């Protein structure tokens, strides 16, 4: 119980999203042309029309045109192109 209270206080005091403390990936979109992802665990599929990422608790598929990964490392993944859809699934 003490751990949950501490987590709650950290969320309130830092202003960080709750997802940052639960091991969830965080996705920030800039229009439909760039996705900045924190917490990516791996690449499942990669083409210029579809990029699927393992986010730990689920998978995210970015579908569109001229898709490319601009960055992929332990801290940050960036996908650019023209997104037509983003789908989430439990399977990987």
N, C-alpha and C. Protein backbone atom coordinates (compact mmCIF):
# COMPACT_ATOMS: atom_id res chain seq x y z
N UNK A 1 0.82 -1.20 0.00
CA UNK A 1 0.00 0.00 0.00
C UNK A 1 0.87 1.26 0.00
N UNK A 2 1.99 1.20 0.69
CA UNK A 2 2.88 2.34 0.75
C UNK A 2 3.43 2.70 -0.63
N UNK A 3 3.71 1.66 -1.45
CA UNK A 3 4.24 1.85 -2.78
C UNK A 3 3.23 2.60 -3.66
N UNK A 4 1.96 2.23 -3.57
CA UNK A 4 0.91 2.89 -4.36
C UNK A 4 0.76 4.36 -3.95
N UNK A 5 0.86 4.63 -2.67
CA UNK A 5 0.75 6.01 -2.18
C UNK A 5 1.92 6.85 -2.70
N UNK A 6 3.13 6.27 -2.67
CA UNK A 6 4.31 6.97 -3.17
C UNK A 6 4.16 7.25 -4.67
N UNK A 7 3.69 6.27 -5.42
CA UNK A 7 3.49 6.45 -6.86
C UNK A 7 2.49 7.56 -7.12
N UNK A 8 1.39 7.57 -6.37
CA UNK A 8 0.37 8.60 -6.52
C UNK A 8 0.95 9.99 -6.23
N UNK A 9 1.77 10.11 -5.20
CA UNK A 9 2.39 11.39 -4.85
C UNK A 9 3.37 11.84 -5.94
N UNK A 10 4.14 10.91 -6.50
CA UNK A 10 5.07 11.25 -7.58
C UNK A 10 4.33 11.78 -8.79
N UNK A 11 3.22 11.14 -9.13
CA UNK A 11 2.43 11.58 -10.28
C UNK A 11 1.91 12.99 -10.06
N UNK A 12 1.38 13.24 -8.87
CA UNK A 12 0.84 14.57 -8.55
C UNK A 12 1.95 15.63 -8.52
N UNK A 13 3.08 15.32 -7.90
CA UNK A 13 4.14 16.31 -7.72
C UNK A 13 4.95 16.60 -8.97
N UNK A 14 5.12 15.61 -9.84
CA UNK A 14 5.95 15.82 -11.02
C UNK A 14 5.16 16.27 -12.23
N UNK A 15 3.86 15.99 -12.23
CA UNK A 15 3.06 16.33 -13.39
C UNK A 15 3.25 15.38 -14.56
N UNK A 16 4.02 14.32 -14.35
CA UNK A 16 4.23 13.33 -15.41
C UNK A 16 2.96 12.49 -15.58
N UNK A 17 2.74 11.98 -16.79
CA UNK A 17 1.55 11.15 -17.00
C UNK A 17 1.63 9.85 -16.21
N UNK A 18 0.48 9.36 -15.80
CA UNK A 18 0.39 8.13 -15.02
C UNK A 18 1.07 6.97 -15.74
N UNK A 19 0.98 6.96 -17.08
CA UNK A 19 1.57 5.88 -17.88
C UNK A 19 3.08 5.77 -17.68
N UNK A 20 3.73 6.87 -17.35
CA UNK A 20 5.18 6.85 -17.17
C UNK A 20 5.58 6.00 -15.98
N UNK A 21 4.69 5.79 -15.03
CA UNK A 21 5.00 5.02 -13.83
C UNK A 21 4.47 3.58 -13.90
N UNK A 22 3.78 3.24 -14.97
CA UNK A 22 3.19 1.92 -15.09
C UNK A 22 3.85 1.06 -16.16
N UNK A 23 4.96 1.52 -16.72
CA UNK A 23 5.66 0.75 -17.73
C UNK A 23 5.02 0.80 -19.11
N UNK A 24 4.07 1.69 -19.32
CA UNK A 24 3.42 1.82 -20.61
C UNK A 24 4.26 2.70 -21.54
N UNK A 25 4.16 2.40 -22.81
CA UNK A 25 4.80 3.27 -23.80
C UNK A 25 3.99 4.55 -23.91
N UNK A 26 4.66 5.60 -24.33
CA UNK A 26 3.98 6.88 -24.54
C UNK A 26 4.21 7.30 -25.98
N UNK A 27 3.12 7.67 -26.67
CA UNK A 27 3.19 8.07 -28.07
C UNK A 27 2.76 9.52 -28.19
N UNK A 28 3.60 10.34 -28.79
CA UNK A 28 3.26 11.74 -29.07
C UNK A 28 3.21 11.91 -30.58
N UNK A 29 2.10 12.43 -31.07
CA UNK A 29 1.92 12.63 -32.51
C UNK A 29 2.06 14.09 -32.87
N UNK A 30 2.70 14.34 -34.00
CA UNK A 30 2.73 15.66 -34.60
C UNK A 30 1.94 15.53 -35.89
N UNK A 31 0.68 15.98 -35.82
CA UNK A 31 -0.21 15.81 -36.96
C UNK A 31 -0.32 14.35 -37.34
N UNK A 32 -0.33 14.09 -38.63
CA UNK A 32 -0.34 12.71 -39.10
C UNK A 32 0.98 12.39 -39.82
N UNK A 33 2.07 13.10 -39.40
CA UNK A 33 3.34 12.94 -40.10
C UNK A 33 4.50 12.48 -39.23
N UNK A 34 4.34 12.47 -37.91
CA UNK A 34 5.44 12.03 -37.07
C UNK A 34 4.91 11.47 -35.75
N UNK A 35 5.49 10.36 -35.33
CA UNK A 35 5.17 9.76 -34.03
C UNK A 35 6.47 9.60 -33.26
N UNK A 36 6.47 10.09 -32.05
CA UNK A 36 7.61 10.00 -31.14
C UNK A 36 7.20 9.05 -30.03
N UNK A 37 7.86 7.90 -29.94
CA UNK A 37 7.44 6.85 -29.02
C UNK A 37 8.51 6.59 -27.98
N UNK A 38 8.14 6.65 -26.72
CA UNK A 38 9.02 6.27 -25.60
C UNK A 38 8.53 4.92 -25.09
N UNK A 39 9.44 3.98 -24.88
CA UNK A 39 9.06 2.69 -24.31
C UNK A 39 8.85 1.58 -25.31
N UNK A 40 9.34 1.73 -26.54
CA UNK A 40 9.22 0.69 -27.55
C UNK A 40 10.14 -0.47 -27.19
N UNK A 41 9.62 -1.70 -27.27
CA UNK A 41 10.39 -2.89 -26.92
C UNK A 41 10.99 -3.59 -28.13
N UNK A 42 10.51 -3.27 -29.34
CA UNK A 42 11.05 -3.91 -30.53
C UNK A 42 10.21 -3.65 -31.76
N UNK A 43 10.77 -4.04 -32.92
CA UNK A 43 10.10 -3.88 -34.20
C UNK A 43 9.56 -5.24 -34.63
N UNK A 44 8.29 -5.30 -34.96
CA UNK A 44 7.66 -6.54 -35.41
C UNK A 44 7.57 -6.58 -36.93
N UNK A 45 7.24 -5.46 -37.54
CA UNK A 45 7.08 -5.39 -39.00
C UNK A 45 7.58 -4.03 -39.47
N UNK A 46 8.24 -4.02 -40.64
CA UNK A 46 8.76 -2.76 -41.15
C UNK A 46 8.67 -2.73 -42.67
N UNK A 47 7.91 -1.78 -43.19
CA UNK A 47 7.87 -1.50 -44.62
C UNK A 47 7.49 -0.02 -44.78
N UNK A 48 7.51 0.47 -46.01
CA UNK A 48 7.15 1.88 -46.22
C UNK A 48 5.65 2.12 -46.08
N UNK A 49 4.86 1.01 -45.99
CA UNK A 49 3.42 1.14 -45.82
C UNK A 49 2.94 0.79 -44.41
N UNK A 50 3.76 0.02 -43.66
CA UNK A 50 3.32 -0.39 -42.33
C UNK A 50 4.51 -0.65 -41.42
N UNK A 51 4.46 -0.07 -40.24
CA UNK A 51 5.47 -0.31 -39.20
C UNK A 51 4.72 -0.74 -37.95
N UNK A 52 5.05 -1.93 -37.44
CA UNK A 52 4.42 -2.44 -36.23
C UNK A 52 5.47 -2.56 -35.14
N UNK A 53 5.15 -2.01 -33.98
CA UNK A 53 6.07 -1.99 -32.85
C UNK A 53 5.50 -2.77 -31.67
N UNK A 54 6.40 -3.43 -30.94
CA UNK A 54 6.05 -4.08 -29.68
C UNK A 54 6.18 -3.02 -28.60
N UNK A 55 5.08 -2.72 -27.92
CA UNK A 55 5.09 -1.72 -26.86
C UNK A 55 5.05 -2.34 -25.47
N UNK A 56 5.27 -3.64 -25.40
CA UNK A 56 5.27 -4.32 -24.12
C UNK A 56 3.91 -4.88 -23.78
N UNK A 57 2.97 -4.02 -23.49
CA UNK A 57 1.62 -4.47 -23.13
C UNK A 57 0.70 -4.60 -24.33
N UNK A 58 1.14 -4.14 -25.49
CA UNK A 58 0.37 -4.25 -26.72
C UNK A 58 1.29 -3.96 -27.91
N UNK A 59 0.71 -4.03 -29.10
CA UNK A 59 1.43 -3.68 -30.33
C UNK A 59 0.74 -2.50 -30.98
N UNK A 60 1.51 -1.66 -31.65
CA UNK A 60 0.94 -0.54 -32.39
C UNK A 60 1.41 -0.63 -33.83
N UNK A 61 0.45 -0.54 -34.76
CA UNK A 61 0.76 -0.56 -36.19
C UNK A 61 0.46 0.80 -36.78
N UNK A 62 1.47 1.39 -37.40
CA UNK A 62 1.34 2.67 -38.09
C UNK A 62 1.24 2.35 -39.57
N UNK A 63 0.11 2.70 -40.19
CA UNK A 63 -0.13 2.41 -41.60
C UNK A 63 -0.19 3.71 -42.36
N UNK A 64 0.39 3.73 -43.58
CA UNK A 64 0.35 4.94 -44.37
C UNK A 64 1.27 4.88 -45.57
N UNK A 65 1.79 6.03 -45.95
CA UNK A 65 2.66 6.16 -47.12
C UNK A 65 4.02 6.72 -46.71
N UNK A 66 5.06 6.23 -47.35
CA UNK A 66 6.43 6.71 -47.15
C UNK A 66 6.86 6.67 -45.69
N UNK A 67 6.48 5.61 -44.96
CA UNK A 67 6.84 5.50 -43.55
C UNK A 67 8.31 5.11 -43.41
N UNK A 68 8.97 5.69 -42.44
CA UNK A 68 10.37 5.39 -42.16
C UNK A 68 10.65 5.66 -40.69
N UNK A 69 11.58 4.90 -40.15
CA UNK A 69 12.02 5.15 -38.76
C UNK A 69 13.20 6.10 -38.82
N UNK A 70 13.07 7.21 -38.11
CA UNK A 70 14.13 8.21 -38.06
C UNK A 70 15.08 7.94 -36.91
N UNK A 71 14.59 7.22 -35.91
CA UNK A 71 15.40 6.93 -34.73
C UNK A 71 14.85 5.67 -34.07
N UNK A 72 15.74 4.83 -33.56
CA UNK A 72 15.32 3.66 -32.79
C UNK A 72 16.44 3.33 -31.82
N UNK A 73 16.18 3.58 -30.54
CA UNK A 73 17.15 3.19 -29.51
C UNK A 73 16.39 2.88 -28.23
N UNK A 74 17.11 2.67 -27.14
CA UNK A 74 16.49 2.27 -25.88
C UNK A 74 15.51 3.30 -25.32
N UNK A 75 15.70 4.54 -25.68
CA UNK A 75 14.89 5.59 -25.07
C UNK A 75 13.81 6.15 -25.99
N UNK A 76 14.07 6.17 -27.30
CA UNK A 76 13.17 6.91 -28.18
C UNK A 76 13.11 6.29 -29.56
N UNK A 77 11.90 6.20 -30.10
CA UNK A 77 11.68 5.74 -31.46
C UNK A 77 10.88 6.83 -32.17
N UNK A 78 11.30 7.18 -33.38
CA UNK A 78 10.58 8.20 -34.15
C UNK A 78 10.22 7.61 -35.51
N UNK A 79 8.95 7.72 -35.87
CA UNK A 79 8.46 7.27 -37.17
C UNK A 79 7.93 8.49 -37.91
N UNK A 80 8.32 8.62 -39.18
CA UNK A 80 7.80 9.72 -39.99
C UNK A 80 7.17 9.18 -41.26
N UNK A 81 6.40 10.00 -41.93
CA UNK A 81 5.69 9.64 -43.15
C UNK A 81 4.30 10.24 -43.09
N UNK A 82 3.40 9.68 -43.85
CA UNK A 82 2.01 10.15 -43.81
C UNK A 82 1.16 9.03 -43.24
N UNK A 83 0.68 9.21 -42.00
CA UNK A 83 -0.13 8.19 -41.34
C UNK A 83 -1.56 8.25 -41.84
N UNK A 84 -2.06 7.07 -42.22
CA UNK A 84 -3.46 6.95 -42.60
C UNK A 84 -4.26 6.32 -41.47
N UNK A 85 -3.58 5.47 -40.66
CA UNK A 85 -4.24 4.88 -39.49
C UNK A 85 -3.20 4.38 -38.51
N UNK A 86 -3.63 4.27 -37.27
CA UNK A 86 -2.81 3.67 -36.21
C UNK A 86 -3.71 2.66 -35.50
N UNK A 87 -3.23 1.42 -35.42
CA UNK A 87 -4.03 0.35 -34.82
C UNK A 87 -3.29 -0.26 -33.64
N UNK A 88 -4.05 -0.63 -32.62
CA UNK A 88 -3.48 -1.28 -31.45
C UNK A 88 -4.04 -2.69 -31.33
N UNK A 89 -3.18 -3.62 -30.91
CA UNK A 89 -3.63 -5.01 -30.74
C UNK A 89 -2.87 -5.64 -29.58
N UNK A 90 -3.41 -6.72 -29.05
CA UNK A 90 -2.78 -7.44 -27.95
C UNK A 90 -1.82 -8.50 -28.45
N UNK A 91 -1.87 -8.82 -29.72
CA UNK A 91 -1.02 -9.87 -30.25
C UNK A 91 0.26 -9.30 -30.84
N UNK A 92 1.27 -10.11 -30.93
CA UNK A 92 2.52 -9.63 -31.48
C UNK A 92 3.17 -10.71 -32.22
